[in-house]
Protein backbone atom coordinates (compact mmCIF):
# COMPACT_ATOMS: atom_id res chain seq x y z
CA TYR A 1 0.00 0.00 0.00
CA GLU A 2 2.76 2.42 0.93
CA GLU A 3 4.61 1.77 -2.33
CA VAL A 4 1.49 2.47 -4.38
CA ALA A 5 0.64 5.57 -2.33
CA LYS A 6 3.96 7.15 -3.31
CA HIS A 7 2.68 7.51 -6.87
CA LEU A 8 -0.75 8.93 -5.97
CA SER A 9 -1.80 12.43 -5.09
CA GLU A 10 -3.60 13.18 -1.84
CA LYS A 11 -6.76 13.81 -3.83
CA GLU A 12 -6.51 10.41 -5.53
CA ILE A 13 -5.96 8.62 -2.21
CA THR A 14 -8.97 10.40 -0.69
CA GLY A 15 -11.08 9.39 -3.69
CA ILE A 16 -10.08 5.74 -3.37
CA ARG A 17 -10.90 5.70 0.32
CA SER A 18 -14.27 7.27 -0.35
CA LEU A 19 -15.02 4.71 -3.02
CA ALA A 20 -13.98 1.86 -0.72
CA ASP A 21 -16.20 3.11 2.08
CA LYS A 22 -19.20 3.02 -0.26
CA SER A 23 -18.38 -0.25 -2.04
CA ILE A 24 -16.96 -2.64 0.53
CA ILE A 25 -19.36 -4.33 2.94
CA LEU A 26 -18.04 -6.66 5.64
CA GLU A 27 -20.38 -9.41 6.79
CA LYS A 28 -19.84 -12.35 9.09
CA ASP A 29 -20.44 -15.73 7.44
CA LYS A 30 -20.39 -19.13 9.14
CA LYS A 31 -19.33 -22.01 6.96
CA ARG A 32 -17.91 -25.49 7.44
CA PHE A 33 -14.75 -26.38 5.59
CA TYR A 34 -13.50 -29.95 5.31
CA PRO A 35 -9.78 -29.85 4.43
CA GLY A 36 -9.68 -33.58 3.69
CA GLY A 37 -12.21 -33.23 0.88
CA GLN A 38 -13.68 -36.67 0.26
CA LEU A 39 -11.59 -38.31 2.96
CA ALA A 40 -13.86 -40.10 5.46
CA SER A 41 -16.85 -38.11 4.20
CA GLN A 42 -19.49 -40.66 5.26
CA VAL A 43 -17.97 -40.67 8.75
CA LEU A 44 -17.86 -36.87 9.05
CA GLY A 45 -21.15 -36.02 7.36
CA PHE A 46 -21.89 -32.33 6.76
CA ILE A 47 -24.12 -29.50 7.92
CA GLY A 48 -27.08 -28.09 6.03
CA SER A 49 -29.98 -25.74 6.44
CA ASN A 50 -33.15 -27.20 7.87
CA GLY A 51 -35.54 -24.34 7.27
CA SER A 52 -34.54 -21.64 9.74
CA THR A 53 -31.72 -23.58 11.41
CA VAL A 54 -28.45 -25.16 10.37
CA THR A 55 -27.95 -28.68 11.68
CA GLY A 56 -25.68 -31.64 11.23
CA ARG A 57 -26.62 -34.05 8.50
CA TYR A 58 -25.24 -37.57 8.50
CA GLY A 59 -22.13 -38.85 10.26
CA LEU A 60 -20.46 -37.20 13.21
CA GLU A 61 -22.03 -33.87 12.31
CA ARG A 62 -25.45 -35.31 13.08
CA TYR A 63 -24.58 -37.61 15.97
CA TYR A 64 -22.67 -34.89 17.83
CA ASN A 65 -24.74 -31.97 16.55
CA GLU A 66 -25.23 -30.40 19.98
CA THR A 67 -21.49 -30.49 20.66
CA LEU A 68 -20.48 -29.14 17.26
CA ALA A 69 -23.21 -26.51 16.92
CA ARG A 70 -22.27 -22.84 17.32
CA ASP A 71 -25.00 -20.35 18.13
CA GLY A 72 -23.27 -17.18 16.90
CA GLY A 73 -21.37 -14.35 18.53
CA GLY A 74 -17.62 -13.90 18.35
CA ASN A 75 -15.34 -15.27 15.73
CA THR A 76 -16.13 -18.59 14.12
CA SER A 77 -13.84 -21.43 13.17
CA SER A 78 -13.84 -24.37 10.81
CA PHE A 79 -14.66 -27.18 13.23
CA PHE A 80 -12.78 -29.85 11.30
CA ALA A 81 -9.98 -27.61 9.95
CA ASP A 82 -7.38 -29.29 12.14
CA LEU A 83 -9.01 -32.71 12.27
CA PHE A 84 -6.28 -34.49 10.37
CA LEU A 85 -3.29 -32.14 10.46
CA LYS A 86 -3.50 -31.22 14.14
CA PRO A 87 -5.75 -33.72 15.94
CA GLY A 88 -6.97 -32.44 19.25
CA ALA A 89 -6.85 -28.74 18.42
CA ALA A 90 -9.47 -27.12 20.63
CA LEU A 91 -12.05 -24.73 19.30
CA LEU A 92 -12.61 -21.67 21.43
CA SER A 93 -16.17 -21.25 22.55
CA ASP A 94 -18.18 -19.24 25.01
CA SER A 95 -20.33 -22.22 25.87
CA ALA A 96 -19.26 -25.21 27.96
CA ARG A 97 -21.31 -27.62 25.86
CA GLU A 98 -19.57 -26.62 22.64
CA GLY A 99 -16.63 -28.80 21.77
CA ALA A 100 -14.31 -30.24 19.16
CA LEU A 101 -14.04 -33.90 18.30
CA VAL A 102 -10.75 -35.77 18.18
CA THR A 103 -11.42 -38.82 16.03
CA THR A 104 -9.88 -42.27 15.91
CA ILE A 105 -9.59 -42.03 12.12
CA GLU A 106 -5.99 -42.35 10.90
CA PRO A 107 -5.71 -40.32 7.67
CA THR A 108 -3.05 -42.57 6.12
CA VAL A 109 -5.04 -45.73 6.80
CA GLN A 110 -8.27 -44.05 5.65
CA GLY A 111 -6.67 -42.89 2.41
CA PHE A 112 -5.20 -46.33 1.77
CA LEU A 113 -8.56 -48.05 2.35
CA GLU A 114 -10.35 -45.64 0.01
CA ARG A 115 -7.77 -46.19 -2.74
CA VAL A 116 -8.02 -49.97 -2.40
CA LEU A 117 -11.82 -49.90 -2.52
CA LEU A 118 -11.79 -47.65 -5.57
CA GLU A 119 -9.00 -49.22 -7.61
CA ASP A 120 -8.94 -52.87 -6.51
CA VAL A 121 -12.66 -53.43 -6.03
CA LEU A 122 -14.95 -50.83 -7.60
CA LYS A 123 -13.11 -50.43 -10.90
CA LYS A 124 -11.64 -53.92 -11.16
CA TYR A 125 -14.97 -55.69 -10.72
CA ASP A 126 -17.21 -52.93 -12.09
CA ALA A 127 -19.04 -52.98 -8.77
CA ALA A 128 -21.88 -50.66 -7.83
CA SER A 129 -20.32 -50.01 -4.42
CA ALA A 130 -17.55 -51.20 -2.13
CA SER A 131 -17.11 -50.72 1.61
CA GLY A 132 -14.55 -51.53 4.27
CA ILE A 133 -13.69 -51.05 7.93
CA VAL A 134 -10.34 -51.13 9.72
CA MET A 135 -10.82 -51.46 13.48
CA ASN A 136 -8.56 -52.12 16.43
CA PRO A 137 -10.07 -55.37 17.80
CA LYS A 138 -8.87 -54.69 21.35
CA THR A 139 -10.20 -51.15 21.75
CA GLY A 140 -12.93 -50.77 19.13
CA GLU A 141 -11.17 -47.68 17.72
CA ILE A 142 -12.00 -47.36 14.03
CA TYR A 143 -8.93 -46.32 12.06
CA ALA A 144 -10.72 -46.27 8.71
CA MET A 145 -14.29 -46.59 7.46
CA ALA A 146 -15.17 -45.98 3.84
CA THR A 147 -17.70 -46.63 1.12
CA MET A 148 -17.18 -46.05 -2.58
CA PRO A 149 -18.52 -44.11 -4.39
CA THR A 150 -18.11 -41.22 -1.99
CA PHE A 151 -18.58 -37.44 -2.08
CA ASP A 152 -16.98 -34.12 -1.14
CA PRO A 153 -18.78 -32.63 1.90
CA ASN A 154 -17.62 -29.17 0.79
CA ASN A 155 -19.81 -29.56 -2.31
CA PHE A 156 -22.49 -32.01 -1.21
CA SER A 157 -25.25 -30.04 -2.94
CA LYS A 158 -23.81 -31.05 -6.32
CA GLU A 159 -24.48 -34.74 -5.68
CA LYS A 160 -27.37 -36.11 -7.73
CA ASN A 161 -27.58 -39.40 -5.84
CA GLN A 162 -28.08 -38.74 -2.14
CA SER A 163 -27.47 -42.39 -1.30
CA VAL A 164 -23.74 -41.61 -1.25
CA PHE A 165 -24.31 -39.64 1.97
CA THR A 166 -25.40 -42.71 3.95
CA ASN A 167 -23.10 -45.17 5.68
CA PRO A 168 -24.09 -48.75 4.74
CA LEU A 169 -21.45 -50.10 7.12
CA VAL A 170 -23.64 -48.87 9.98
CA ASP A 171 -27.18 -48.68 8.61
CA GLY A 172 -27.03 -51.49 6.03
CA VAL A 173 -28.12 -55.06 6.85
CA TYR A 174 -26.89 -58.03 4.80
CA GLU A 175 -26.54 -61.80 4.78
CA MET A 176 -22.81 -61.96 5.41
CA GLY A 177 -22.24 -65.51 4.21
CA SER A 178 -19.04 -67.43 4.80
CA ILE A 179 -17.19 -64.89 6.94
CA VAL A 180 -19.60 -66.06 9.66
CA LYS A 181 -18.06 -69.56 9.65
CA PRO A 182 -15.30 -68.69 12.14
CA LEU A 183 -17.99 -67.59 14.61
CA THR A 184 -19.59 -71.02 14.36
CA LEU A 185 -16.31 -72.87 14.86
CA ALA A 186 -15.36 -70.61 17.76
CA ALA A 187 -18.67 -71.43 19.44
CA GLY A 188 -18.00 -75.14 18.96
CA ILE A 189 -14.49 -74.88 20.41
CA ASP A 190 -15.62 -72.70 23.30
CA SER A 191 -18.39 -75.09 24.31
CA GLY A 192 -16.07 -78.08 24.10
CA VAL A 193 -18.04 -80.01 21.46
CA ILE A 194 -15.13 -79.88 18.98
CA THR A 195 -11.39 -79.25 18.93
CA ALA A 196 -9.13 -78.31 16.04
CA ASN A 197 -8.34 -82.03 15.65
CA THR A 198 -11.98 -83.18 15.45
CA THR A 199 -12.82 -84.76 12.08
CA TYR A 200 -16.00 -85.35 10.10
CA ASP A 201 -16.90 -87.14 6.87
CA ASP A 202 -17.59 -84.52 4.22
CA LYS A 203 -19.86 -86.01 1.56
CA GLY A 204 -20.19 -82.73 -0.32
CA PHE A 205 -23.84 -82.13 0.60
CA ARG A 206 -26.57 -82.86 3.11
CA ILE A 207 -30.37 -83.06 2.94
CA ILE A 208 -32.04 -80.90 5.59
CA ASN A 209 -35.85 -80.63 5.75
CA THR A 210 -35.99 -82.06 2.19
CA LYS A 211 -33.59 -79.34 0.95
CA ARG A 212 -30.18 -80.17 -0.51
CA ILE A 213 -27.40 -78.02 0.96
CA ALA A 214 -23.99 -78.44 -0.65
CA ASN A 215 -20.48 -77.05 -0.51
CA PHE A 216 -19.80 -74.18 -2.89
CA ASP A 217 -18.49 -76.61 -5.52
CA GLY A 218 -20.68 -79.59 -4.58
CA LYS A 219 -17.60 -81.77 -4.08
CA ALA A 220 -16.92 -84.16 -1.21
CA ARG A 221 -13.61 -84.05 0.70
CA GLY A 222 -13.95 -87.25 2.71
CA VAL A 223 -12.75 -87.32 6.30
CA VAL A 224 -11.22 -83.92 7.14
CA PRO A 225 -10.32 -82.02 10.34
CA MET A 226 -11.97 -78.79 11.48
CA GLN A 227 -9.12 -76.75 10.00
CA GLU A 228 -10.27 -77.68 6.50
CA ILE A 229 -13.71 -76.19 7.15
CA LEU A 230 -12.02 -72.81 7.32
CA ASN A 231 -9.35 -73.51 4.70
CA GLN A 232 -11.86 -74.60 2.06
CA SER A 233 -14.98 -72.82 3.35
CA LEU A 234 -17.04 -75.99 3.71
CA ASN A 235 -20.76 -75.52 4.35
CA THR A 236 -21.16 -79.13 5.40
CA GLY A 237 -18.48 -78.54 8.03
CA THR A 238 -20.21 -75.69 9.83
CA MET A 239 -23.43 -77.71 9.70
CA PHE A 240 -21.56 -80.51 11.46
CA VAL A 241 -20.39 -78.10 14.18
CA MET A 242 -23.90 -76.71 14.59
CA ASP A 243 -25.25 -80.25 15.04
CA ARG A 244 -22.70 -80.87 17.77
CA LEU A 245 -23.70 -77.62 19.49
CA GLY A 246 -27.44 -78.14 19.22
CA LYS A 247 -29.98 -75.46 18.38
CA ASP A 248 -30.21 -73.91 21.83
CA LYS A 249 -26.45 -73.58 22.34
CA PHE A 250 -25.93 -72.32 18.79
CA ARG A 251 -28.60 -69.66 19.28
CA GLU A 252 -27.10 -68.71 22.64
CA TYR A 253 -23.68 -68.02 21.16
CA PHE A 254 -24.95 -66.05 18.18
CA LYS A 255 -27.00 -63.86 20.48
CA ALA A 256 -23.98 -63.43 22.74
CA TYR A 257 -22.02 -62.15 19.72
CA GLY A 258 -24.52 -59.29 19.67
CA LEU A 259 -25.57 -59.94 16.07
CA GLY A 260 -29.19 -58.90 16.69
CA LYS A 261 -28.40 -55.76 18.69
CA GLU A 262 -26.86 -52.33 18.18
CA THR A 263 -23.12 -52.08 18.73
CA GLY A 264 -23.42 -48.60 20.25
CA ILE A 265 -21.18 -46.98 17.64
CA ASP A 266 -21.24 -43.18 17.78
CA LEU A 267 -22.73 -42.70 14.32
CA PRO A 268 -26.40 -42.10 13.44
CA ASN A 269 -29.00 -44.50 12.08
CA GLU A 270 -27.42 -47.72 13.26
CA SER A 271 -29.49 -50.71 12.19
CA VAL A 272 -29.64 -54.09 13.89
CA GLY A 273 -29.25 -57.53 12.43
CA ASP A 274 -32.10 -59.99 12.04
CA ILE A 275 -31.46 -63.40 13.57
CA ARG A 276 -35.11 -64.29 14.18
CA ASN A 277 -34.70 -67.46 12.11
CA LEU A 278 -32.85 -68.87 15.11
CA GLU A 279 -36.19 -68.95 16.95
CA SER A 280 -37.58 -71.34 14.33
CA PRO A 281 -38.01 -75.05 15.09
CA ARG A 282 -36.83 -75.97 11.57
CA ASP A 283 -33.39 -77.56 11.28
CA ILE A 284 -32.67 -75.84 7.97
CA GLU A 285 -32.67 -72.38 9.53
CA TYR A 286 -29.84 -73.35 11.85
CA ALA A 287 -27.97 -75.22 9.15
CA THR A 288 -27.86 -72.21 6.83
CA ALA A 289 -27.18 -69.78 9.67
CA SER A 290 -24.02 -71.73 10.51
CA PHE A 291 -22.49 -70.44 7.28
CA GLY A 292 -24.05 -66.99 7.34
CA GLN A 293 -27.22 -67.38 5.30
CA GLY A 294 -30.81 -66.89 6.42
CA ILE A 295 -29.69 -64.41 9.07
CA SER A 296 -28.59 -60.83 8.47
CA MET A 297 -26.37 -58.35 10.24
CA THR A 298 -24.71 -54.98 9.83
CA PRO A 299 -21.06 -54.83 8.75
CA ILE A 300 -20.16 -53.00 11.97
CA GLY A 301 -21.96 -55.67 13.99
CA THR A 302 -20.12 -58.37 12.07
CA ILE A 303 -16.68 -56.85 12.59
CA ARG A 304 -17.37 -56.47 16.31
CA ALA A 305 -18.28 -60.14 16.58
CA LEU A 306 -15.22 -61.19 14.57
CA ALA A 307 -13.00 -58.96 16.70
CA SER A 308 -13.88 -61.09 19.73
CA LEU A 309 -12.08 -64.00 18.04
CA GLY A 310 -8.81 -62.08 18.03
CA ASN A 311 -8.89 -59.94 21.17
CA GLY A 312 -9.20 -62.57 23.87
CA GLY A 313 -12.95 -63.18 23.54
CA VAL A 314 -14.45 -59.80 24.44
CA LEU A 315 -17.12 -57.73 22.66
CA VAL A 316 -15.83 -54.16 22.34
CA THR A 317 -17.69 -50.96 21.51
CA PRO A 318 -16.80 -49.63 18.05
CA HIS A 319 -16.27 -45.86 18.04
CA VAL A 320 -14.89 -43.06 15.89
CA VAL A 321 -14.44 -40.32 18.50
CA LYS A 322 -11.46 -40.67 20.80
CA ARG A 323 -11.99 -37.50 22.81
CA THR A 324 -14.17 -34.40 23.04
CA GLU A 325 -12.37 -31.16 23.88
CA TYR A 326 -14.39 -28.27 25.26
CA GLY A 327 -13.72 -24.55 25.20
CA ILE A 328 -14.52 -24.48 28.89
CA GLY A 329 -13.63 -27.26 31.28
CA PRO A 330 -11.67 -30.50 30.86
CA SER A 331 -11.79 -32.73 27.83
CA ARG A 332 -13.74 -35.99 27.93
CA ASP A 333 -12.19 -39.23 26.72
CA PHE A 334 -14.25 -42.03 25.20
CA VAL A 335 -15.26 -44.55 27.85
CA ALA A 336 -16.34 -47.98 26.67
CA SER A 337 -19.62 -49.34 27.97
CA GLY A 338 -21.33 -52.69 27.71
CA GLU A 339 -18.19 -54.69 26.95
CA LYS A 340 -18.55 -58.34 27.89
CA ARG A 341 -16.79 -61.65 27.52
CA VAL A 342 -18.32 -64.00 24.94
CA LEU A 343 -15.48 -66.52 24.51
CA LYS A 344 -12.77 -67.97 26.72
CA LYS A 345 -9.27 -66.58 26.19
CA GLU A 346 -8.14 -70.05 25.16
CA THR A 347 -10.85 -70.19 22.49
CA SER A 348 -9.78 -66.84 21.10
CA ALA A 349 -6.17 -68.01 20.91
CA GLU A 350 -7.10 -71.28 19.19
CA ILE A 351 -9.45 -69.83 16.57
CA SER A 352 -6.91 -67.07 15.88
CA ARG A 353 -4.26 -69.73 15.27
CA MET A 354 -6.58 -71.59 12.92
CA LEU A 355 -7.44 -68.43 10.97
CA THR A 356 -3.75 -67.62 10.66
CA VAL A 357 -3.28 -71.03 9.02
CA VAL A 358 -6.06 -70.14 6.57
CA VAL A 359 -4.23 -66.97 5.53
C-alpha cells in the first residue's frame, strides 16, 4: 500500500478511500470447511440448512450436533480444519457444551482403504459399491471406514444421488455368508463339542428338511479335520459343528455375539441384524445360519463379533471419536460401555491360530 501511495496524489488517495467506504461491505459468514475433501466423508457427514436452522446431516455432524453446533457471537472457526493435520486442536467457545471432536480415524489408513476400494474393487470388478472397515479389535477404535462411491462434503449439494451420503457399514443389513463360519467354529471350540483335531466325513452335501445343501463346488472331501472347514470354506463342516452344538447352544452363542443388537457406535441411524430365524423349530434355519445365510447383520456388527475371536474373547464398543475437547472445562475421553466376555481366552487363541493357518 505504501509503495502504491507514493505515486498517488492526496486527492486520488482520498477518492479511493471514499469509493472503498461506499463499495466494501463486511459481513460475518459461518461455513464449514472440510480440508480432507472426500476423505472419510461418510464418517464426518456435513451441515445443512433445515428451514430456519443449520444442523448436522449424517455422520459425526449429526450424531454430535449439539457439541459441534455454534450459536453465533464472536469469531467462528472451521470445526474440522485441524481434524487431520492437528488432531486435538481445541475450538474456542463461550459455551461449555460446545466442543471439538478428536477422532480415531488415521488419515493414512483411511486414504489407503479408500484407494483400495476404488482401484482394486470398484473399478476392477465394475461394482456398484464397495465398503470396508479397519478397526482395532482390542479397543474398538476405528482407524478407517469408507464406502465407494463417496462425495466431497464441501460440495455435497452437487451430488445427484443422495445415497452416497449414507453409511451402509452402519445402517445397512446383509446376509454376510461365509465370513460367519469362524464364529460357528469358535462357538463349537468354546463349548467343548469340537477341537481343532476333530474330524467329520464330508460327503459334499446334506439333505435338511428335504432341501439339498452343498459345498460351494458340490464336491466331497472325505474325512477332514476342522481346520479344512475354514481352509476350504465348507458348508457341510459348519453344519456338522452346529449339530454338535445343538440349536439352543448355537442360538445362545450367536445372540452373545450381539448380532441382533446395536453395537453402540457413535454414528447415526445404526441398524440391527435380524437373527429371528434362530427362533424357528426348523433344522434348515440353523444349518444355513451356521455359514451366514438366512440371518442378516450390519457390517459393523459383524466386525465387532469377529474382533472377539482375536482380542481374547471380548465384545468391544466400536467408536470413531477418541476424545471431546471443550472450550470451557476438561476434555472428555471415550469410555467404553457394555463390553462383555463371549469366549474364553483359550478359544480366542485357538481360533486365531486356525485363521492364521487359513491366511
